[in-house]
C-alpha atoms as a PDB file:
ATOM      1  CA  MET A   1      -2.548  85.243  44.046  1.00  0.00           C
ATOM      2  CA  LYS A   2      -0.154  87.309  41.966  1.00  0.00           C
ATOM      3  CA  ARG A   3      -1.995  90.055  39.279  1.00  0.00           C
ATOM      4  CA  ASP A   4       0.637  91.413  36.336  1.00  0.00           C
ATOM      5  CA  ALA A   5      -0.459  94.182  33.788  1.00  0.00           C
ATOM      6  CA  ASN A   6       2.805  94.915  31.157  1.00  0.00           C
ATOM      7  CA  PRO A   7       3.798  93.971  27.737  1.00  0.00           C
ATOM      8  CA  GLU A   8       5.964  91.169  28.230  1.00  0.00           C
ATOM      9  CA  LYS A   9       3.274  89.037  29.445  1.00  0.00           C
ATOM     10  CA  GLY A  10       1.219  89.941  26.260  1.00  0.00           C
ATOM     11  CA  LEU A  11       4.206  89.270  24.174  1.00  0.00           C
ATOM     12  CA  GLU A  12       4.660  85.476  26.010  1.00  0.00           C
ATOM     13  CA  ALA A  13       0.621  85.299  25.645  1.00  0.00           C
ATOM     14  CA  LEU A  14       0.965  85.755  21.612  1.00  0.00           C
ATOM     15  CA  ASP A  15       4.136  83.227  21.162  1.00  0.00           C
ATOM     16  CA  GLN A  16       2.206  80.772  23.408  1.00  0.00           C
ATOM     17  CA  CYS A  17      -1.558  81.015  22.310  1.00  0.00           C
ATOM     18  CA  GLU A  18      -2.987  78.302  19.969  1.00  0.00           C
ATOM     19  CA  TYR A  19      -5.392  81.027  18.287  1.00  0.00           C
ATOM     20  CA  MET A  20      -5.851  85.292  18.042  1.00  0.00           C
ATOM     21  CA  VAL A  21      -8.868  86.556  17.824  1.00  0.00           C
ATOM     22  CA  LEU A  22      -9.016  89.756  15.368  1.00  0.00           C
ATOM     23  CA  ALA A  23     -11.401  92.681  15.997  1.00  0.00           C
ATOM     24  CA  MET A  24     -11.793  94.386  12.575  1.00  0.00           C
ATOM     25  CA  THR A  25     -14.653  97.685  11.606  1.00  0.00           C
ATOM     26  CA  ASP A  26     -16.661  96.785   8.159  1.00  0.00           C
ATOM     27  CA  GLY A  27     -17.060  99.493   5.819  1.00  0.00           C
ATOM     28  CA  GLU A  28     -20.208 100.287   7.996  1.00  0.00           C
ATOM     29  CA  GLY A  29     -19.004 101.124  10.951  1.00  0.00           C
ATOM     30  CA  LYS A  30     -20.147  97.965  12.273  1.00  0.00           C
ATOM     31  CA  PRO A  31     -17.741  95.431  14.280  1.00  0.00           C
ATOM     32  CA  TYR A  32     -16.704  92.629  13.250  1.00  0.00           C
ATOM     33  CA  CYS A  33     -13.983  89.677  14.660  1.00  0.00           C
ATOM     34  CA  ILE A  34     -13.073  86.725  14.062  1.00  0.00           C
ATOM     35  CA  PRO A  35     -10.325  83.769  15.271  1.00  0.00           C
ATOM     36  CA  LEU A  36      -7.153  83.023  13.658  1.00  0.00           C
ATOM     37  CA  ASN A  37      -4.026  81.508  13.441  1.00  0.00           C
ATOM     38  CA  GLY A  38      -0.868  84.220  13.666  1.00  0.00           C
ATOM     39  CA  VAL A  39       2.271  84.395  14.815  1.00  0.00           C
ATOM     40  CA  ARG A  40       4.283  87.015  16.157  1.00  0.00           C
ATOM     41  CA  ALA A  41       7.453  87.881  14.442  1.00  0.00           C
ATOM     42  CA  GLY A  42       9.817  90.640  16.605  1.00  0.00           C
ATOM     43  CA  GLU A  43       7.126  94.019  16.114  1.00  0.00           C
ATOM     44  CA  LYS A  44       4.275  92.238  13.847  1.00  0.00           C
ATOM     45  CA  ILE A  45       2.013  89.505  13.953  1.00  0.00           C
ATOM     46  CA  TYR A  46       1.510  87.472  10.944  1.00  0.00           C
ATOM     47  CA  PHE A  47      -1.315  85.521   9.124  1.00  0.00           C
ATOM     48  CA  HIS A  48      -2.722  84.008   6.104  1.00  0.00           C
ATOM     49  CA  CYS A  49      -6.112  83.957   5.120  1.00  0.00           C
ATOM     50  CA  ALA A  50      -8.093  83.839   1.320  1.00  0.00           C
ATOM     51  CA  LYS A  51      -7.925  86.448  -0.912  1.00  0.00           C
ATOM     52  CA  ALA A  52     -11.462  87.990  -0.796  1.00  0.00           C
ATOM     53  CA  GLY A  53     -14.042  87.653   1.516  1.00  0.00           C
ATOM     54  CA  GLU A  54     -15.347  89.557   4.547  1.00  0.00           C
ATOM     55  CA  LYS A  55     -12.046  89.855   6.828  1.00  0.00           C
ATOM     56  CA  VAL A  56      -9.566  91.593   3.699  1.00  0.00           C
ATOM     57  CA  ASP A  57     -12.668  93.562   3.033  1.00  0.00           C
ATOM     58  CA  CYS A  58     -12.790  94.969   6.240  1.00  0.00           C
ATOM     59  CA  LEU A  59      -8.611  95.114   6.634  1.00  0.00           C
ATOM     60  CA  ARG A  60      -8.528  97.326   3.952  1.00  0.00           C
ATOM     61  CA  THR A  61     -11.230  99.724   4.424  1.00  0.00           C
ATOM     62  CA  HIS A  62     -10.045  99.791   8.213  1.00  0.00           C
ATOM     63  CA  PRO A  63      -6.731  98.791   8.863  1.00  0.00           C
ATOM     64  CA  GLN A  64      -7.046  99.983  12.372  1.00  0.00           C
ATOM     65  CA  VAL A  65      -7.541  96.363  14.046  1.00  0.00           C
ATOM     66  CA  CYS A  66      -7.353  94.722  17.798  1.00  0.00           C
ATOM     67  CA  LEU A  67      -6.075  91.443  18.381  1.00  0.00           C
ATOM     68  CA  THR A  68      -6.716  89.232  21.411  1.00  0.00           C
ATOM     69  CA  ALA A  69      -4.907  86.270  22.160  1.00  0.00           C
ATOM     70  CA  VAL A  70      -4.763  84.231  25.794  1.00  0.00           C
ATOM     71  CA  GLY A  71      -1.693  82.168  26.004  1.00  0.00           C
ATOM     72  CA  HIS A  72      -2.411  79.707  29.009  1.00  0.00           C
ATOM     73  CA  GLN A  73      -5.675  79.588  30.856  1.00  0.00           C
ATOM     74  CA  ARG A  74      -6.860  77.325  33.741  1.00  0.00           C
ATOM     75  CA  VAL A  75      -9.674  76.680  36.000  1.00  0.00           C
ATOM     76  CA  ILE A  76      -9.441  75.846  39.507  1.00  0.00           C
ATOM     77  CA  GLN A  77     -12.444  74.906  40.683  1.00  0.00           C
ATOM     78  CA  ALA A  78     -11.417  74.946  44.544  1.00  0.00           C
ATOM     79  CA  ILE A  79     -10.922  79.000  44.804  1.00  0.00           C
ATOM     80  CA  TYR A  80     -13.349  79.786  41.937  1.00  0.00           C
ATOM     81  CA  GLU A  81     -10.746  81.303  40.032  1.00  0.00           C
ATOM     82  CA  THR A  82      -9.172  81.517  36.355  1.00  0.00           C
ATOM     83  CA  GLU A  83      -5.681  81.393  36.366  1.00  0.00           C
ATOM     84  CA  TYR A  84      -4.594  82.924  33.069  1.00  0.00           C
ATOM     85  CA  GLN A  85      -1.991  84.948  30.571  1.00  0.00           C
ATOM     86  CA  CYS A  86      -3.735  87.055  27.626  1.00  0.00           C
ATOM     87  CA  ALA A  87      -2.374  89.902  25.489  1.00  0.00           C
ATOM     88  CA  VAL A  88      -4.457  93.062  23.792  1.00  0.00           C
ATOM     89  CA  VAL A  89      -2.630  94.397  20.963  1.00  0.00           C
ATOM     90  CA  ARG A  90      -3.489  97.566  18.451  1.00  0.00           C
ATOM     91  CA  GLY A  91      -2.194  98.146  15.250  1.00  0.00           C
ATOM     92  CA  THR A  92      -2.242  98.699  12.042  1.00  0.00           C
ATOM     93  CA  ALA A  93      -2.815  95.843   8.813  1.00  0.00           C
ATOM     94  CA  GLY A  94      -1.217  95.895   5.957  1.00  0.00           C
ATOM     95  CA  GLU A  95      -1.443  93.327   3.215  1.00  0.00           C
ATOM     96  CA  VAL A  96       2.220  91.472   2.519  1.00  0.00           C
ATOM     97  CA  THR A  97       3.180  91.695  -1.278  1.00  0.00           C
ATOM     98  CA  ASP A  98       6.966  91.064  -1.332  1.00  0.00           C
ATOM     99  CA  GLU A  99       7.067  87.180  -2.349  1.00  0.00           C
ATOM    100  CA  THR A 100      10.535  86.723   0.347  1.00  0.00           C
ATOM    101  CA  GLU A 101       8.539  88.938   3.495  1.00  0.00           C
ATOM    102  CA  MET A 102       5.708  86.305   2.535  1.00  0.00           C
ATOM    103  CA  ARG A 103       7.571  83.166   2.633  1.00  0.00           C
ATOM    104  CA  GLU A 104       8.820  84.121   5.556  1.00  0.00           C
ATOM    105  CA  ALA A 105       5.653  84.978   7.770  1.00  0.00           C
ATOM    106  CA  LEU A 106       4.702  81.149   6.247  1.00  0.00           C
ATOM    107  CA  TRP A 107       7.370  79.229   7.678  1.00  0.00           C
ATOM    108  CA  ALA A 108       6.690  81.181  10.714  1.00  0.00           C
ATOM    109  CA  LEU A 109       3.335  80.051  10.533  1.00  0.00           C
ATOM    110  CA  CYS A 110       4.804  76.460   9.866  1.00  0.00           C
ATOM    111  CA  ARG A 111       7.076  76.783  12.711  1.00  0.00           C
ATOM    112  CA  LYS A 112       4.633  77.627  15.071  1.00  0.00           C
ATOM    113  CA  TYR A 113       1.792  75.383  14.302  1.00  0.00           C
ATOM    114  CA  SER A 114       3.209  72.195  12.503  1.00  0.00           C
ATOM    115  CA  PRO A 115       6.848  72.352  13.742  1.00  0.00           C
ATOM    116  CA  ASP A 116       6.622  67.972  13.165  1.00  0.00           C
ATOM    117  CA  CYS A 117       6.061  68.733   9.810  1.00  0.00           C
ATOM    118  CA  LEU A 118       9.111  70.674   8.236  1.00  0.00           C
ATOM    119  CA  GLU A 119      10.877  68.533   5.976  1.00  0.00           C
ATOM    120  CA  ARG A 120       7.665  69.540   3.489  1.00  0.00           C
ATOM    121  CA  VAL A 121       6.841  73.071   4.370  1.00  0.00           C
ATOM    122  CA  GLU A 122       8.407  74.546   0.987  1.00  0.00           C
ATOM    123  CA  GLN A 123       6.397  72.231  -1.134  1.00  0.00           C
ATOM    124  CA  VAL A 124       3.279  73.142   0.749  1.00  0.00           C
ATOM    125  CA  ILE A 125       4.084  76.896   0.502  1.00  0.00           C
ATOM    126  CA  ASP A 126       4.833  76.371  -3.259  1.00  0.00           C
ATOM    127  CA  ASP A 127       1.205  74.143  -3.819  1.00  0.00           C
ATOM    128  CA  SER A 128      -0.615  77.293  -2.149  1.00  0.00           C
ATOM    129  CA  PHE A 129       1.365  80.305  -2.996  1.00  0.00           C
ATOM    130  CA  ALA A 130      -0.889  81.622  -5.637  1.00  0.00           C
ATOM    131  CA  ARG A 131      -4.342  81.069  -3.433  1.00  0.00           C
ATOM    132  CA  VAL A 132      -3.756  82.514  -0.379  1.00  0.00           C
ATOM    133  CA  ALA A 133      -2.610  86.316   1.053  1.00  0.00           C
ATOM    134  CA  ILE A 134      -0.854  86.942   3.879  1.00  0.00           C
ATOM    135  CA  TRP A 135      -1.377  90.360   6.210  1.00  0.00           C
ATOM    136  CA  LYS A 136       0.386  91.308   8.553  1.00  0.00           C
ATOM    137  CA  ILE A 137      -0.369  93.425  11.760  1.00  0.00           C
ATOM    138  CA  CYS A 138       2.419  96.190  12.930  1.00  0.00           C
ATOM    139  CA  ILE A 139       1.816  96.070  16.753  1.00  0.00           C
ATOM    140  CA  GLU A 140       1.505  99.829  18.411  1.00  0.00           C
ATOM    141  CA  SER A 141       0.664  98.432  21.805  1.00  0.00           C
ATOM    142  CA  VAL A 142       0.230  95.370  23.270  1.00  0.00           C
ATOM    143  CA  SER A 143      -1.266  94.793  26.982  1.00  0.00           C
ATOM    144  CA  GLY A 144      -0.548  91.887  28.590  1.00  0.00           C
ATOM    145  CA  ARG A 145      -2.575  90.443  31.953  1.00  0.00           C
ATOM    146  CA  CYS A 146      -1.772  87.677  34.254  1.00  0.00           C
ATOM    147  CA  ARG A 147      -3.541  86.308  37.184  1.00  0.00           C
ATOM    148  CA  ASP A 148      -1.039  83.117  38.865  1.00  0.00           C
ATOM    149  CA  TYR A 149      -2.305  81.473  41.380  1.00  0.00           C
ATOM    150  CA  SER A 150       1.465  79.526  42.271  1.00  0.00           C
ATOM    151  CA  GLY A 151       0.658  76.522  44.924  1.00  0.00           C
ATOM    152  CA  GLN A 152      -2.538  77.062  45.115  1.00  0.00           C
ATOM    153  CA  GLY A 153      -5.470  74.637  43.953  1.00  0.00           C
END
């Protein structure tokens, strides 16, 4: 078994994950977390959402967030263990208002989640642009964890 804890493993997990879980604080100081589709672009993580709602209220009130992602996970039944790669990110969230950056973020999301349908991306972006909000998390720290059982199970 090999255990590893480093930022590079965390960035790999962010790039490979199917979804991320964003943890925030609401206006009353209570925790709130929600899964979302996100994509890393350099030192930022972008996600889209509705323009209003509990998530947006939390982010506007308390922009400091924590995000987790699992890039790989597999249970090895024979040894009662789990192999995994995950990330914990801390950062500050902010709404993206620049149209160029918004479009770039939407393109990055589409490349990650719909790589086989890129011929329609511009049309999809144009059709949804007025009703979607784009947020980014500026990564302040990332911690990666990895447990590898190569050759076992």
